[in-house]
Amino acid sequence: PDELKKQLGISYGLQVTGVTGGKMKEAGITKGFIILKVNGSPVKKTEELEEIMKQASQSPEQVLFLSGMYPSGKRANFAVDLAED
């Protein structure tokens, strides 16, 4: 939301609205986390996140590095392993 972006001093990002399971949950990402960058690229739209995820899943490393912050202002980084178990 615009008010939260203003409060945190950011101009873009995707806020996680829910994590029910899977790789994101395993990595420790929770509802409310605001994703600012994925693998070094700023994300402003869901489509951008989906494209980076697609590219990463086809790369040899198969990993996503997410940088962002919580609504409290606390910054956090996560690594999400996309490789199949």
PDB file of N, CA and C in Angstrom:
ATOM      1  N   PRO A   1       0.822  -1.209   0.000  1.00  0.00           N
ATOM      2  CA  PRO A   1       0.000   0.000   0.000  1.00  0.00           C
ATOM      3  C   PRO A   1       0.863   1.270   0.000  1.00  0.00           C
ATOM      4  N   ASP A   2       0.357   2.315  -0.631  1.00  0.00           N
ATOM      5  CA  ASP A   2       1.110   3.561  -0.755  1.00  0.00           C
ATOM      6  C   ASP A   2       1.521   4.145   0.593  1.00  0.00           C
ATOM      7  N   GLU A   3       0.627   4.094   1.571  1.00  0.00           N
ATOM      8  CA  GLU A   3       0.949   4.672   2.876  1.00  0.00           C
ATOM      9  C   GLU A   3       2.105   3.935   3.539  1.00  0.00           C
ATOM     10  N   LEU A   4       2.115   2.614   3.435  1.00  0.00           N
ATOM     11  CA  LEU A   4       3.197   1.820   4.018  1.00  0.00           C
ATOM     12  C   LEU A   4       4.513   2.115   3.301  1.00  0.00           C
ATOM     13  N   LYS A   5       4.470   2.238   1.974  1.00  0.00           N
ATOM     14  CA  LYS A   5       5.685   2.568   1.214  1.00  0.00           C
ATOM     15  C   LYS A   5       6.248   3.909   1.684  1.00  0.00           C
ATOM     16  N   LYS A   6       5.364   4.887   1.858  1.00  0.00           N
ATOM     17  CA  LYS A   6       5.794   6.219   2.310  1.00  0.00           C
ATOM     18  C   LYS A   6       6.410   6.126   3.704  1.00  0.00           C
ATOM     19  N   GLN A   7       5.759   5.391   4.579  1.00  0.00           N
ATOM     20  CA  GLN A   7       6.225   5.237   5.949  1.00  0.00           C
ATOM     21  C   GLN A   7       7.607   4.579   5.993  1.00  0.00           C
ATOM     22  N   LEU A   8       7.849   3.613   5.110  1.00  0.00           N
ATOM     23  CA  LEU A   8       9.121   2.891   5.101  1.00  0.00           C
ATOM     24  C   LEU A   8      10.176   3.546   4.215  1.00  0.00           C
ATOM     25  N   GLY A   9       9.778   4.564   3.466  1.00  0.00           N
ATOM     26  CA  GLY A   9      10.723   5.246   2.598  1.00  0.00           C
ATOM     27  C   GLY A   9      11.111   4.445   1.372  1.00  0.00           C
ATOM     28  N   ILE A  10      10.176   3.644   0.866  1.00  0.00           N
ATOM     29  CA  ILE A  10      10.436   2.859  -0.350  1.00  0.00           C
ATOM     30  C   ILE A  10       9.430   3.262  -1.424  1.00  0.00           C
ATOM     31  N   SER A  11       9.792   3.007  -2.675  1.00  0.00           N
ATOM     32  CA  SER A  11       8.897   3.403  -3.769  1.00  0.00           C
ATOM     33  C   SER A  11       8.342   2.201  -4.533  1.00  0.00           C
ATOM     34  N   TYR A  12       8.779   1.003  -4.173  1.00  0.00           N
ATOM     35  CA  TYR A  12       8.310  -0.197  -4.864  1.00  0.00           C
ATOM     36  C   TYR A  12       8.435  -1.394  -3.932  1.00  0.00           C
ATOM     37  N   GLY A  13       7.937  -2.527  -4.394  1.00  0.00           N
ATOM     38  CA  GLY A  13       8.041  -3.772  -3.639  1.00  0.00           C
ATOM     39  C   GLY A  13       6.742  -4.549  -3.715  1.00  0.00           C
ATOM     40  N   LEU A  14       6.852  -5.832  -3.421  1.00  0.00           N
ATOM     41  CA  LEU A  14       5.684  -6.718  -3.389  1.00  0.00           C
ATOM     42  C   LEU A  14       5.535  -7.263  -1.984  1.00  0.00           C
ATOM     43  N   GLN A  15       4.357  -7.056  -1.386  1.00  0.00           N
ATOM     44  CA  GLN A  15       4.124  -7.552  -0.036  1.00  0.00           C
ATOM     45  C   GLN A  15       3.524  -8.945  -0.095  1.00  0.00           C
ATOM     46  N   VAL A  16       4.090  -9.855   0.677  1.00  0.00           N
ATOM     47  CA  VAL A  16       3.601 -11.230   0.747  1.00  0.00           C
ATOM     48  C   VAL A  16       2.277 -11.216   1.506  1.00  0.00           C
ATOM     49  N   THR A  17       1.231 -11.738   0.864  1.00  0.00           N
ATOM     50  CA  THR A  17      -0.093 -11.740   1.491  1.00  0.00           C
ATOM     51  C   THR A  17      -0.416 -13.057   2.163  1.00  0.00           C
ATOM     52  N   GLY A  18       0.396 -14.064   1.925  1.00  0.00           N
ATOM     53  CA  GLY A  18       0.185 -15.345   2.580  1.00  0.00           C
ATOM     54  C   GLY A  18       1.195 -16.370   2.106  1.00  0.00           C
ATOM     55  N   VAL A  19       1.587 -17.259   3.013  1.00  0.00           N
ATOM     56  CA  VAL A  19       2.499 -18.351   2.682  1.00  0.00           C
ATOM     57  C   VAL A  19       1.910 -19.601   3.307  1.00  0.00           C
ATOM     58  N   THR A  20       1.443 -20.508   2.462  1.00  0.00           N
ATOM     59  CA  THR A  20       0.795 -21.704   2.985  1.00  0.00           C
ATOM     60  C   THR A  20       1.720 -22.911   3.052  1.00  0.00           C
ATOM     61  N   GLY A  21       2.784 -22.879   2.288  1.00  0.00           N
ATOM     62  CA  GLY A  21       3.721 -23.994   2.287  1.00  0.00           C
ATOM     63  C   GLY A  21       4.694 -23.843   1.148  1.00  0.00           C
ATOM     64  N   GLY A  22       5.498 -24.857   0.943  1.00  0.00           N
ATOM     65  CA  GLY A  22       6.424 -24.843  -0.178  1.00  0.00           C
ATOM     66  C   GLY A  22       7.759 -24.205   0.144  1.00  0.00           C
ATOM     67  N   LYS A  23       8.489 -23.888  -0.922  1.00  0.00           N
ATOM     68  CA  LYS A  23       9.870 -23.410  -0.822  1.00  0.00           C
ATOM     69  C   LYS A  23       9.989 -22.077  -0.081  1.00  0.00           C
ATOM     70  N   MET A  24       9.043 -21.164  -0.310  1.00  0.00           N
ATOM     71  CA  MET A  24       9.101 -19.857   0.362  1.00  0.00           C
ATOM     72  C   MET A  24       8.956 -20.022   1.875  1.00  0.00           C
ATOM     73  N   LYS A  25       8.020 -20.850   2.290  1.00  0.00           N
ATOM     74  CA  LYS A  25       7.819 -21.080   3.723  1.00  0.00           C
ATOM     75  C   LYS A  25       9.040 -21.754   4.331  1.00  0.00           C
ATOM     76  N   GLU A  26       9.588 -22.741   3.608  1.00  0.00           N
ATOM     77  CA  GLU A  26      10.784 -23.436   4.093  1.00  0.00           C
ATOM     78  C   GLU A  26      11.945 -22.466   4.301  1.00  0.00           C
ATOM     79  N   ALA A  27      12.022 -21.430   3.473  1.00  0.00           N
ATOM     80  CA  ALA A  27      13.096 -20.449   3.575  1.00  0.00           C
ATOM     81  C   ALA A  27      12.880 -19.467   4.729  1.00  0.00           C
ATOM     82  N   GLY A  28      11.666 -19.441   5.295  1.00  0.00           N
ATOM     83  CA  GLY A  28      11.385 -18.560   6.428  1.00  0.00           C
ATOM     84  C   GLY A  28      10.613 -17.301   6.089  1.00  0.00           C
ATOM     85  N   ILE A  29      10.142 -17.194   4.862  1.00  0.00           N
ATOM     86  CA  ILE A  29       9.382 -16.009   4.452  1.00  0.00           C
ATOM     87  C   ILE A  29       7.976 -16.089   5.029  1.00  0.00           C
ATOM     88  N   THR A  30       7.515 -14.991   5.599  1.00  0.00           N
ATOM     89  CA  THR A  30       6.202 -14.965   6.240  1.00  0.00           C
ATOM     90  C   THR A  30       5.328 -13.857   5.657  1.00  0.00           C
ATOM     91  N   LYS A  31       4.050 -13.952   5.977  1.00  0.00           N
ATOM     92  CA  LYS A  31       3.085 -12.942   5.546  1.00  0.00           C
ATOM     93  C   LYS A  31       3.534 -11.571   6.034  1.00  0.00           C
ATOM     94  N   GLY A  32       3.414 -10.586   5.160  1.00  0.00           N
ATOM     95  CA  GLY A  32       3.783  -9.216   5.517  1.00  0.00           C
ATOM     96  C   GLY A  32       5.135  -8.796   4.978  1.00  0.00           C
ATOM     97  N   PHE A  33       6.015  -9.765   4.726  1.00  0.00           N
ATOM     98  CA  PHE A  33       7.347  -9.439   4.206  1.00  0.00           C
ATOM     99  C   PHE A  33       7.206  -8.715   2.872  1.00  0.00           C
ATOM    100  N   ILE A  34       7.997  -7.674   2.667  1.00  0.00           N
ATOM    101  CA  ILE A  34       7.953  -6.897   1.433  1.00  0.00           C
ATOM    102  C   ILE A  34       9.204  -7.227   0.621  1.00  0.00           C
ATOM    103  N   ILE A  35       8.995  -7.861  -0.520  1.00  0.00           N
ATOM    104  CA  ILE A  35      10.103  -8.239  -1.397  1.00  0.00           C
ATOM    105  C   ILE A  35      10.491  -7.016  -2.220  1.00  0.00           C
ATOM    106  N   LEU A  36      11.739  -6.587  -2.092  1.00  0.00           N
ATOM    107  CA  LEU A  36      12.233  -5.440  -2.846  1.00  0.00           C
ATOM    108  C   LEU A  36      13.072  -5.877  -4.044  1.00  0.00           C
ATOM    109  N   LYS A  37      13.924  -6.886  -3.828  1.00  0.00           N
ATOM    110  CA  LYS A  37      14.782  -7.373  -4.910  1.00  0.00           C
ATOM    111  C   LYS A  37      14.828  -8.898  -4.892  1.00  0.00           C
ATOM    112  N   VAL A  38      14.895  -9.457  -6.094  1.00  0.00           N
ATOM    113  CA  VAL A  38      15.064 -10.898  -6.241  1.00  0.00           C
ATOM    114  C   VAL A  38      16.237 -11.108  -7.183  1.00  0.00           C
ATOM    115  N   ASN A  39      17.238 -11.845  -6.711  1.00  0.00           N
ATOM    116  CA  ASN A  39      18.476 -12.074  -7.464  1.00  0.00           C
ATOM    117  C   ASN A  39      19.059 -10.759  -7.982  1.00  0.00           C
ATOM    118  N   GLY A  40      18.971  -9.713  -7.154  1.00  0.00           N
ATOM    119  CA  GLY A  40      19.567  -8.429  -7.479  1.00  0.00           C
ATOM    120  C   GLY A  40      18.706  -7.493  -8.304  1.00  0.00           C
ATOM    121  N   SER A  41      17.554  -7.980  -8.795  1.00  0.00           N
ATOM    122  CA  SER A  41      16.683  -7.147  -9.629  1.00  0.00           C
ATOM    123  C   SER A  41      15.508  -6.606  -8.816  1.00  0.00           C
ATOM    124  N   PRO A  42      15.246  -5.298  -8.896  1.00  0.00           N
ATOM    125  CA  PRO A  42      14.075  -4.744  -8.211  1.00  0.00           C
ATOM    126  C   PRO A  42      12.787  -5.349  -8.778  1.00  0.00           C
ATOM    127  N   VAL A  43      11.830  -5.638  -7.897  1.00  0.00           N
ATOM    128  CA  VAL A  43      10.541  -6.160  -8.360  1.00  0.00           C
ATOM    129  C   VAL A  43       9.428  -5.199  -7.969  1.00  0.00           C
ATOM    130  N   LYS A  44       8.637  -4.831  -8.976  1.00  0.00           N
ATOM    131  CA  LYS A  44       7.527  -3.909  -8.769  1.00  0.00           C
ATOM    132  C   LYS A  44       6.193  -4.553  -9.083  1.00  0.00           C
ATOM    133  N   LYS A  45       6.231  -5.620  -9.875  1.00  0.00           N
ATOM    134  CA  LYS A  45       5.005  -6.305 -10.287  1.00  0.00           C
ATOM    135  C   LYS A  45       5.157  -7.801 -10.088  1.00  0.00           C
ATOM    136  N   THR A  46       4.038  -8.457  -9.852  1.00  0.00           N
ATOM    137  CA  THR A  46       4.034  -9.906  -9.678  1.00  0.00           C
ATOM    138  C   THR A  46       4.630 -10.601 -10.896  1.00  0.00           C
ATOM    139  N   GLU A  47       4.346 -10.061 -12.081  1.00  0.00           N
ATOM    140  CA  GLU A  47       4.858 -10.663 -13.316  1.00  0.00           C
ATOM    141  C   GLU A  47       6.391 -10.661 -13.346  1.00  0.00           C
ATOM    142  N   GLU A  48       6.999  -9.621 -12.794  1.00  0.00           N
ATOM    143  CA  GLU A  48       8.466  -9.561 -12.741  1.00  0.00           C
ATOM    144  C   GLU A  48       9.009 -10.660 -11.826  1.00  0.00           C
ATOM    145  N   LEU A  49       8.363 -10.848 -10.698  1.00  0.00           N
ATOM    146  CA  LEU A  49       8.767 -11.905  -9.769  1.00  0.00           C
ATOM    147  C   LEU A  49       8.629 -13.270 -10.433  1.00  0.00           C
ATOM    148  N   GLU A  50       7.519 -13.495 -11.120  1.00  0.00           N
ATOM    149  CA  GLU A  50       7.289 -14.781 -11.783  1.00  0.00           C
ATOM    150  C   GLU A  50       8.342 -15.047 -12.857  1.00  0.00           C
ATOM    151  N   GLU A  51       8.721 -14.022 -13.610  1.00  0.00           N
ATOM    152  CA  GLU A  51       9.727 -14.185 -14.665  1.00  0.00           C
ATOM    153  C   GLU A  51      11.093 -14.524 -14.067  1.00  0.00           C
ATOM    154  N   ILE A  52      11.468 -13.846 -12.978  1.00  0.00           N
ATOM    155  CA  ILE A  52      12.754 -14.127 -12.327  1.00  0.00           C
ATOM    156  C   ILE A  52      12.745 -15.543 -11.755  1.00  0.00           C
ATOM    157  N   MET A  53      11.614 -15.958 -11.185  1.00  0.00           N
ATOM    158  CA  MET A  53      11.506 -17.315 -10.644  1.00  0.00           C
ATOM    159  C   MET A  53      11.656 -18.350 -11.755  1.00  0.00           C
ATOM    160  N   LYS A  54      11.039 -18.083 -12.894  1.00  0.00           N
ATOM    161  CA  LYS A  54      11.125 -18.993 -14.036  1.00  0.00           C
ATOM    162  C   LYS A  54      12.577 -19.122 -14.501  1.00  0.00           C
ATOM    163  N   GLN A  55      13.251 -17.978 -14.648  1.00  0.00           N
ATOM    164  CA  GLN A  55      14.654 -17.988 -15.079  1.00  0.00           C
ATOM    165  C   GLN A  55      15.527 -18.719 -14.069  1.00  0.00           C
ATOM    166  N   ALA A  56      15.300 -18.470 -12.793  1.00  0.00           N
ATOM    167  CA  ALA A  56      16.114 -19.095 -11.745  1.00  0.00           C
ATOM    168  C   ALA A  56      15.911 -20.603 -11.703  1.00  0.00           C
ATOM    169  N   SER A  57      14.684 -21.055 -11.931  1.00  0.00           N
ATOM    170  CA  SER A  57      14.415 -22.498 -11.882  1.00  0.00           C
ATOM    171  C   SER A  57      15.078 -23.236 -13.039  1.00  0.00           C
ATOM    172  N   GLN A  58      15.419 -22.498 -14.095  1.00  0.00           N
ATOM    173  CA  GLN A  58      16.077 -23.109 -15.251  1.00  0.00           C
ATOM    174  C   GLN A  58      17.590 -22.911 -15.224  1.00  0.00           C
ATOM    175  N   SER A  59      18.081 -22.182 -14.239  1.00  0.00           N
ATOM    176  CA  SER A  59      19.523 -21.934 -14.134  1.00  0.00           C
ATOM    177  C   SER A  59      20.192 -23.101 -13.397  1.00  0.00           C
ATOM    178  N   PRO A  60      21.508 -23.237 -13.547  1.00  0.00           N
ATOM    179  CA  PRO A  60      22.210 -24.325 -12.842  1.00  0.00           C
ATOM    180  C   PRO A  60      22.100 -24.223 -11.315  1.00  0.00           C
ATOM    181  N   GLU A  61      22.069 -23.000 -10.777  1.00  0.00           N
ATOM    182  CA  GLU A  61      22.020 -22.817  -9.320  1.00  0.00           C
ATOM    183  C   GLU A  61      20.644 -23.107  -8.731  1.00  0.00           C
ATOM    184  N   GLN A  62      19.600 -22.786  -9.458  1.00  0.00           N
ATOM    185  CA  GLN A  62      18.218 -22.957  -9.003  1.00  0.00           C
ATOM    186  C   GLN A  62      17.988 -22.376  -7.608  1.00  0.00           C
ATOM    187  N   VAL A  63      18.312 -21.083  -7.477  1.00  0.00           N
ATOM    188  CA  VAL A  63      18.125 -20.423  -6.188  1.00  0.00           C
ATOM    189  C   VAL A  63      17.623 -18.995  -6.403  1.00  0.00           C
ATOM    190  N   LEU A  64      16.811 -18.542  -5.458  1.00  0.00           N
ATOM    191  CA  LEU A  64      16.342 -17.156  -5.442  1.00  0.00           C
ATOM    192  C   LEU A  64      16.920 -16.489  -4.205  1.00  0.00           C
ATOM    193  N   PHE A  65      17.498 -15.319  -4.388  1.00  0.00           N
ATOM    194  CA  PHE A  65      17.949 -14.518  -3.264  1.00  0.00           C
ATOM    195  C   PHE A  65      16.993 -13.335  -3.153  1.00  0.00           C
ATOM    196  N   LEU A  66      16.238 -13.291  -2.059  1.00  0.00           N
ATOM    197  CA  LEU A  66      15.263 -12.231  -1.856  1.00  0.00           C
ATOM    198  C   LEU A  66      15.757 -11.249  -0.807  1.00  0.00           C
ATOM    199  N   SER A  67      15.658  -9.966  -1.132  1.00  0.00           N
ATOM    200  CA  SER A  67      15.998  -8.897  -0.197  1.00  0.00           C
ATOM    201  C   SER A  67      14.744  -8.061   0.012  1.00  0.00           C
ATOM    202  N   GLY A  68      14.530  -7.678   1.234  1.00  0.00           N
ATOM    203  CA  GLY A  68      13.353  -6.861   1.500  1.00  0.00           C
ATOM    204  C   GLY A  68      13.290  -6.426   2.940  1.00  0.00           C
ATOM    205  N   MET A  69      12.074  -6.127   3.366  1.00  0.00           N
ATOM    206  CA  MET A  69      11.881  -5.654   4.726  1.00  0.00           C
ATOM    207  C   MET A  69      10.476  -5.997   5.221  1.00  0.00           C
ATOM    208  N   TYR A  70      10.339  -5.938   6.513  1.00  0.00           N
ATOM    209  CA  TYR A  70       9.040  -6.140   7.146  1.00  0.00           C
ATOM    210  C   TYR A  70       8.393  -4.776   7.380  1.00  0.00           C
ATOM    211  N   PRO A  71       7.079  -4.741   7.580  1.00  0.00           N
ATOM    212  CA  PRO A  71       6.403  -3.460   7.844  1.00  0.00           C
ATOM    213  C   PRO A  71       6.983  -2.706   9.049  1.00  0.00           C
ATOM    214  N   SER A  72       7.668  -3.413   9.929  1.00  0.00           N
ATOM    215  CA  SER A  72       8.303  -2.772  11.090  1.00  0.00           C
ATOM    216  C   SER A  72       9.538  -1.973  10.685  1.00  0.00           C
ATOM    217  N   GLY A  73      10.029  -2.206   9.453  1.00  0.00           N
ATOM    218  CA  GLY A  73      11.239  -1.541   8.986  1.00  0.00           C
ATOM    219  C   GLY A  73      12.462  -2.436   9.054  1.00  0.00           C
ATOM    220  N   LYS A  74      12.328  -3.597   9.698  1.00  0.00           N
ATOM    221  CA  LYS A  74      13.444  -4.539   9.801  1.00  0.00           C
ATOM    222  C   LYS A  74      13.744  -5.130   8.432  1.00  0.00           C
ATOM    223  N   ARG A  75      15.014  -5.061   8.026  1.00  0.00           N
ATOM    224  CA  ARG A  75      15.432  -5.612   6.738  1.00  0.00           C
ATOM    225  C   ARG A  75      15.778  -7.086   6.901  1.00  0.00           C
ATOM    226  N   ALA A  76      15.587  -7.851   5.812  1.00  0.00           N
ATOM    227  CA  ALA A  76      15.890  -9.277   5.865  1.00  0.00           C
ATOM    228  C   ALA A  76      16.248  -9.775   4.471  1.00  0.00           C
ATOM    229  N   ASN A  77      16.998 -10.868   4.445  1.00  0.00           N
ATOM    230  CA  ASN A  77      17.397 -11.519   3.205  1.00  0.00           C
ATOM    231  C   ASN A  77      17.134 -13.013   3.338  1.00  0.00           C
ATOM    232  N   PHE A  78      16.686 -13.608   2.255  1.00  0.00           N
ATOM    233  CA  PHE A  78      16.394 -15.037   2.264  1.00  0.00           C
ATOM    234  C   PHE A  78      16.963 -15.688   1.007  1.00  0.00           C
ATOM    235  N   ALA A  79      17.350 -16.936   1.129  1.00  0.00           N
ATOM    236  CA  ALA A  79      17.736 -17.741  -0.026  1.00  0.00           C
ATOM    237  C   ALA A  79      16.714 -18.864  -0.149  1.00  0.00           C
ATOM    238  N   VAL A  80      16.117 -18.978  -1.326  1.00  0.00           N
ATOM    239  CA  VAL A  80      15.096 -20.001  -1.567  1.00  0.00           C
ATOM    240  C   VAL A  80      15.661 -20.994  -2.567  1.00  0.00           C
ATOM    241  N   ASP A  81      15.814 -22.239  -2.132  1.00  0.00           N
ATOM    242  CA  ASP A  81      16.324 -23.304  -2.980  1.00  0.00           C
ATOM    243  C   ASP A  81      15.174 -23.831  -3.842  1.00  0.00           C
ATOM    244  N   LEU A  82      15.283 -23.692  -5.140  1.00  0.00           N
ATOM    245  CA  LEU A  82      14.218 -24.114  -6.061  1.00  0.00           C
ATOM    246  C   LEU A  82      14.420 -25.544  -6.568  1.00  0.00           C
ATOM    247  N   ALA A  83      15.552 -26.152  -6.243  1.00  0.00           N
ATOM    248  CA  ALA A  83      15.844 -27.501  -6.728  1.00  0.00           C
ATOM    249  C   ALA A  83      14.839 -28.502  -6.151  1.00  0.00           C
ATOM    250  N   GLU A  84      14.474 -29.457  -6.976  1.00  0.00           N
ATOM    251  CA  GLU A  84      13.566 -30.512  -6.513  1.00  0.00           C
ATOM    252  C   GLU A  84      14.302 -31.421  -5.543  1.00  0.00           C
ATOM    253  N   ASP A  85      13.594 -31.853  -4.518  1.00  0.00           N
ATOM    254  CA  ASP A  85      14.205 -32.739  -3.516  1.00  0.00           C
ATOM    255  C   ASP A  85      14.390 -34.129  -4.072  1.00  0.00           C
TER     256      ASP A  85
END
